[in-house]
C-alpha atoms as a PDB file:
ATOM      1  CA  MET A   1     -15.915   2.854   2.122  1.00  0.00           C
ATOM      2  CA  SER A   2     -17.135   0.260   4.484  1.00  0.00           C
ATOM      3  CA  LEU A   3     -14.671  -2.183   3.380  1.00  0.00           C
ATOM      4  CA  TYR A   4     -11.522   0.170   3.634  1.00  0.00           C
ATOM      5  CA  TYR A   5     -12.925   1.260   7.046  1.00  0.00           C
ATOM      6  CA  LYS A   6     -13.323  -2.690   8.282  1.00  0.00           C
ATOM      7  CA  ILE A   7      -9.419  -3.649   6.759  1.00  0.00           C
ATOM      8  CA  TRP A   8      -8.334  -0.403   8.280  1.00  0.00           C
ATOM      9  CA  VAL A   9     -10.089  -1.361  11.621  1.00  0.00           C
ATOM     10  CA  ASP A  10      -9.410  -4.620  11.435  1.00  0.00           C
ATOM     11  CA  GLY A  11      -5.428  -3.802  11.596  1.00  0.00           C
ATOM     12  CA  ILE A  12      -5.136  -1.334  14.102  1.00  0.00           C
ATOM     13  CA  VAL A  13      -6.487  -3.944  16.604  1.00  0.00           C
ATOM     14  CA  LYS A  14      -4.742  -6.572  15.592  1.00  0.00           C
ATOM     15  CA  LEU A  15      -1.746  -4.349  15.584  1.00  0.00           C
ATOM     16  CA  ARG A  16      -2.224  -2.783  18.876  1.00  0.00           C
ATOM     17  CA  SER A  17      -3.634  -5.751  20.654  1.00  0.00           C
ATOM     18  CA  ARG A  18       0.505  -6.998  20.526  1.00  0.00           C
ATOM     19  CA  PRO A  19       2.490  -5.723  23.125  1.00  0.00           C
ATOM     20  CA  GLN A  20       6.078  -5.489  20.967  1.00  0.00           C
ATOM     21  CA  ASN A  21       3.881  -3.071  19.393  1.00  0.00           C
ATOM     22  CA  ALA A  22       3.778  -0.691  22.408  1.00  0.00           C
ATOM     23  CA  GLY A  23       4.654   2.641  20.783  1.00  0.00           C
ATOM     24  CA  LEU A  24       4.698   2.153  17.272  1.00  0.00           C
ATOM     25  CA  TRP A  25       1.836   0.487  15.912  1.00  0.00           C
ATOM     26  CA  LYS A  26      -0.013   3.336  14.474  1.00  0.00           C
ATOM     27  CA  PHE A  27       3.585   3.970  12.476  1.00  0.00           C
ATOM     28  CA  PHE A  28       2.811  -0.185  11.729  1.00  0.00           C
ATOM     29  CA  ALA A  29      -0.664   0.287  10.452  1.00  0.00           C
ATOM     30  CA  MET A  30       0.310   3.094   8.283  1.00  0.00           C
ATOM     31  CA  THR A  31       3.685   2.125   6.737  1.00  0.00           C
ATOM     32  CA  PHE A  32       2.275  -1.602   5.508  1.00  0.00           C
ATOM     33  CA  THR A  33      -1.503  -0.334   5.057  1.00  0.00           C
ATOM     34  CA  SER A  34       0.043   2.399   2.770  1.00  0.00           C
ATOM     35  CA  MET A  35       2.451   0.451   1.133  1.00  0.00           C
ATOM     36  CA  ALA A  36      -0.005  -2.280   0.033  1.00  0.00           C
ATOM     37  CA  MET A  37      -2.116   0.514  -1.509  1.00  0.00           C
ATOM     38  CA  ALA A  38       0.595   2.277  -3.246  1.00  0.00           C
ATOM     39  CA  LEU A  39       1.012  -1.357  -5.115  1.00  0.00           C
ATOM     40  CA  ASN A  40      -2.264  -1.691  -5.851  1.00  0.00           C
ATOM     41  CA  LEU A  41      -2.406   1.213  -7.977  1.00  0.00           C
ATOM     42  CA  VAL A  42       0.859   0.580  -9.318  1.00  0.00           C
ATOM     43  CA  PHE A  43      -0.127  -3.123 -10.485  1.00  0.00           C
ATOM     44  CA  ILE A  44      -3.289  -1.177 -11.459  1.00  0.00           C
ATOM     45  CA  LEU A  45      -1.351   1.133 -13.799  1.00  0.00           C
ATOM     46  CA  PHE A  46       0.891  -1.351 -15.139  1.00  0.00           C
ATOM     47  CA  ILE A  47      -1.986  -3.422 -15.836  1.00  0.00           C
ATOM     48  CA  LEU A  48      -3.930  -0.146 -17.512  1.00  0.00           C
ATOM     49  CA  SER A  49      -0.053   0.405 -19.374  1.00  0.00           C
ATOM     50  CA  ASP A  50       0.212  -2.958 -21.150  1.00  0.00           C
ATOM     51  CA  LEU A  51      -3.400  -2.535 -22.461  1.00  0.00           C
ATOM     52  CA  GLY A  52      -2.271   0.142 -24.290  1.00  0.00           C
ATOM     53  CA  ILE A  53      -3.926   2.580 -21.554  1.00  0.00           C
ATOM     54  CA  THR A  54      -2.271   6.026 -20.588  1.00  0.00           C
ATOM     55  CA  THR A  55      -3.658   6.775 -17.052  1.00  0.00           C
ATOM     56  CA  GLY A  56      -2.727  10.282 -17.248  1.00  0.00           C
ATOM     57  CA  ILE A  57      -1.153   9.673 -13.707  1.00  0.00           C
ATOM     58  CA  LEU A  58       1.514  12.079 -13.013  1.00  0.00           C
ATOM     59  CA  LYS A  59       5.212   9.954 -11.856  1.00  0.00           C
ATOM     60  CA  ILE A  60       7.849  12.456 -10.395  1.00  0.00           C
ATOM     61  CA  SER A  61      11.166  11.468 -11.332  1.00  0.00           C
ATOM     62  CA  VAL A  62      14.057  12.066  -9.070  1.00  0.00           C
ATOM     63  CA  ASN A  63      17.851  12.265 -10.065  1.00  0.00           C
ATOM     64  CA  LEU A  64      19.064  13.554  -6.553  1.00  0.00           C
ATOM     65  CA  PHE A  65      21.316  10.436  -6.244  1.00  0.00           C
ATOM     66  CA  LEU A  66      22.624  10.226  -9.414  1.00  0.00           C
ATOM     67  CA  GLY A  67      20.519   7.618 -10.251  1.00  0.00           C
ATOM     68  CA  THR A  68      20.787   5.153  -7.832  1.00  0.00           C
ATOM     69  CA  ARG A  69      17.820   2.922  -6.256  1.00  0.00           C
ATOM     70  CA  LEU A  70      18.009   5.587  -3.891  1.00  0.00           C
ATOM     71  CA  ASP A  71      16.285   7.708  -6.959  1.00  0.00           C
ATOM     72  CA  ALA A  72      13.967   5.330  -7.819  1.00  0.00           C
ATOM     73  CA  PHE A  73      12.734   4.525  -4.024  1.00  0.00           C
ATOM     74  CA  VAL A  74      12.469   8.177  -3.358  1.00  0.00           C
ATOM     75  CA  SER A  75       9.937   8.646  -6.830  1.00  0.00           C
ATOM     76  CA  PHE A  76       7.833   5.914  -5.567  1.00  0.00           C
ATOM     77  CA  PHE A  77       8.141   7.522  -2.525  1.00  0.00           C
ATOM     78  CA  ILE A  78       6.881  11.134  -3.534  1.00  0.00           C
ATOM     79  CA  SER A  79       4.520   9.787  -6.602  1.00  0.00           C
ATOM     80  CA  TYR A  80       2.901   6.594  -5.240  1.00  0.00           C
ATOM     81  CA  LEU A  81       3.369   6.420  -1.275  1.00  0.00           C
ATOM     82  CA  LEU A  82       3.115   9.868  -0.375  1.00  0.00           C
ATOM     83  CA  PRO A  83      -0.653  10.026  -1.538  1.00  0.00           C
ATOM     84  CA  PHE A  84      -1.773   6.860   0.186  1.00  0.00           C
ATOM     85  CA  LEU A  85       0.331   8.749   3.516  1.00  0.00           C
ATOM     86  CA  LEU A  86      -2.188  11.767   3.204  1.00  0.00           C
ATOM     87  CA  ILE A  87      -4.989  10.212   2.265  1.00  0.00           C
ATOM     88  CA  ASN A  88      -5.181   7.974   5.205  1.00  0.00           C
ATOM     89  CA  TYR A  89      -4.065  10.032   8.001  1.00  0.00           C
ATOM     90  CA  PHE A  90      -7.073  12.166   7.401  1.00  0.00           C
ATOM     91  CA  LEU A  91      -9.394   9.602   7.143  1.00  0.00           C
ATOM     92  CA  ILE A  92      -8.011   7.091  10.296  1.00  0.00           C
ATOM     93  CA  PHE A  93      -5.925   9.133  12.369  1.00  0.00           C
ATOM     94  CA  TYR A  94      -6.051  12.838  12.372  1.00  0.00           C
ATOM     95  CA  LYS A  95      -8.320  14.188  15.439  1.00  0.00           C
ATOM     96  CA  GLU A  96      -8.011   9.750  16.548  1.00  0.00           C
ATOM     97  CA  LYS A  97     -11.011   8.863  14.337  1.00  0.00           C
ATOM     98  CA  TYR A  98     -10.075   5.589  14.568  1.00  0.00           C
ATOM     99  CA  LYS A  99     -11.206   5.450  17.997  1.00  0.00           C
ATOM    100  CA  LYS A 100     -15.217   5.790  16.154  1.00  0.00           C
ATOM    101  CA  LEU A 101     -14.351   3.417  13.493  1.00  0.00           C
ATOM    102  CA  ILE A 102     -13.295   0.779  16.505  1.00  0.00           C
ATOM    103  CA  ASN A 103     -16.726   1.252  18.183  1.00  0.00           C
ATOM    104  CA  ARG A 104     -17.980   1.085  14.840  1.00  0.00           C
ATOM    105  CA  TYR A 105     -16.841  -1.960  12.720  1.00  0.00           C
ATOM    106  CA  PRO A 106     -16.322  -5.309  13.544  1.00  0.00           C
ATOM    107  CA  TYR A 107     -12.999  -6.738  14.554  1.00  0.00           C
ATOM    108  CA  TYR A 108     -12.421 -10.258  12.339  1.00  0.00           C
ATOM    109  CA  GLY A 109      -9.054 -11.388  14.274  1.00  0.00           C
ATOM    110  CA  GLY A 110      -6.647  -9.657  12.357  1.00  0.00           C
ATOM    111  CA  LYS A 111      -7.454 -12.010   9.112  1.00  0.00           C
ATOM    112  CA  LEU A 112      -9.220  -9.065   7.263  1.00  0.00           C
ATOM    113  CA  TYR A 113      -6.306  -6.959   7.199  1.00  0.00           C
ATOM    114  CA  MET A 114      -3.607  -9.863   6.931  1.00  0.00           C
ATOM    115  CA  ARG A 115      -5.637 -10.920   3.595  1.00  0.00           C
ATOM    116  CA  TYR A 116      -5.461  -7.492   2.023  1.00  0.00           C
ATOM    117  CA  PHE A 117      -1.457  -7.525   3.065  1.00  0.00           C
ATOM    118  CA  VAL A 118      -0.859 -10.506   1.571  1.00  0.00           C
ATOM    119  CA  SER A 119      -2.733 -10.541  -1.048  1.00  0.00           C
ATOM    120  CA  SER A 120      -1.774  -6.725  -2.346  1.00  0.00           C
ATOM    121  CA  MET A 121       1.994  -8.405  -1.873  1.00  0.00           C
ATOM    122  CA  GLY A 122       1.249 -11.346  -3.617  1.00  0.00           C
ATOM    123  CA  VAL A 123      -0.468 -10.067  -6.560  1.00  0.00           C
ATOM    124  CA  PHE A 124       2.072  -7.864  -7.137  1.00  0.00           C
ATOM    125  CA  LEU A 125       5.395  -9.813  -7.286  1.00  0.00           C
ATOM    126  CA  ALA A 126       3.266 -12.468  -9.152  1.00  0.00           C
ATOM    127  CA  TYR A 127       2.962  -9.750 -12.190  1.00  0.00           C
ATOM    128  CA  ILE A 128       6.760  -8.811 -11.407  1.00  0.00           C
ATOM    129  CA  PHE A 129       7.209 -12.246 -11.912  1.00  0.00           C
ATOM    130  CA  ILE A 130       5.251 -13.022 -14.497  1.00  0.00           C
ATOM    131  CA  ALA A 131       6.240 -10.071 -16.706  1.00  0.00           C
ATOM    132  CA  ILE A 132      10.082 -11.407 -15.866  1.00  0.00           C
ATOM    133  CA  LEU A 133       9.480 -14.931 -17.745  1.00  0.00           C
ATOM    134  CA  VAL A 134       7.688 -13.313 -20.495  1.00  0.00           C
ATOM    135  CA  ALA A 135      10.677 -10.082 -21.376  1.00  0.00           C
ATOM    136  CA  LYS A 136      13.124 -13.549 -20.901  1.00  0.00           C
ATOM    137  CA  ARG A 137      10.692 -15.384 -23.542  1.00  0.00           C
ATOM    138  CA  SER A 138      10.930 -12.905 -25.924  1.00  0.00           C
ATOM    139  CA  ILE A 139      14.252 -11.862 -25.572  1.00  0.00           C
ATOM    140  CA  GLY A 140      15.765 -15.323 -26.014  1.00  0.00           C
END
């Protein structure tokens, strides 16, 4: 949990320090960090699936918008993003717990937070890119 809190504190302090984030830093912190966590989970599930391991994690499929991309987004939101939003809210923002955490954990100038976020996005995108290349080679 220590690394989790260190990443959060680093991101919160960095986002709060930027004047253009005034009033929106909580939204940005929740959105970006929860998205990174959700993509990490999806990446792990992809890897496990490729290895033939079933995880038993429920994916909720939504078909409200006639199979459009909006359905895919809503399914992703409910299945993967919403749980992290709720967990992060209660562990970080509920009763302003982040204020205590800021006093307890060091600030790394936003570098720890950015490493986590960029590496989460980069690994996921690299996996998707490689999966597409492998699929094209096996077809052609």
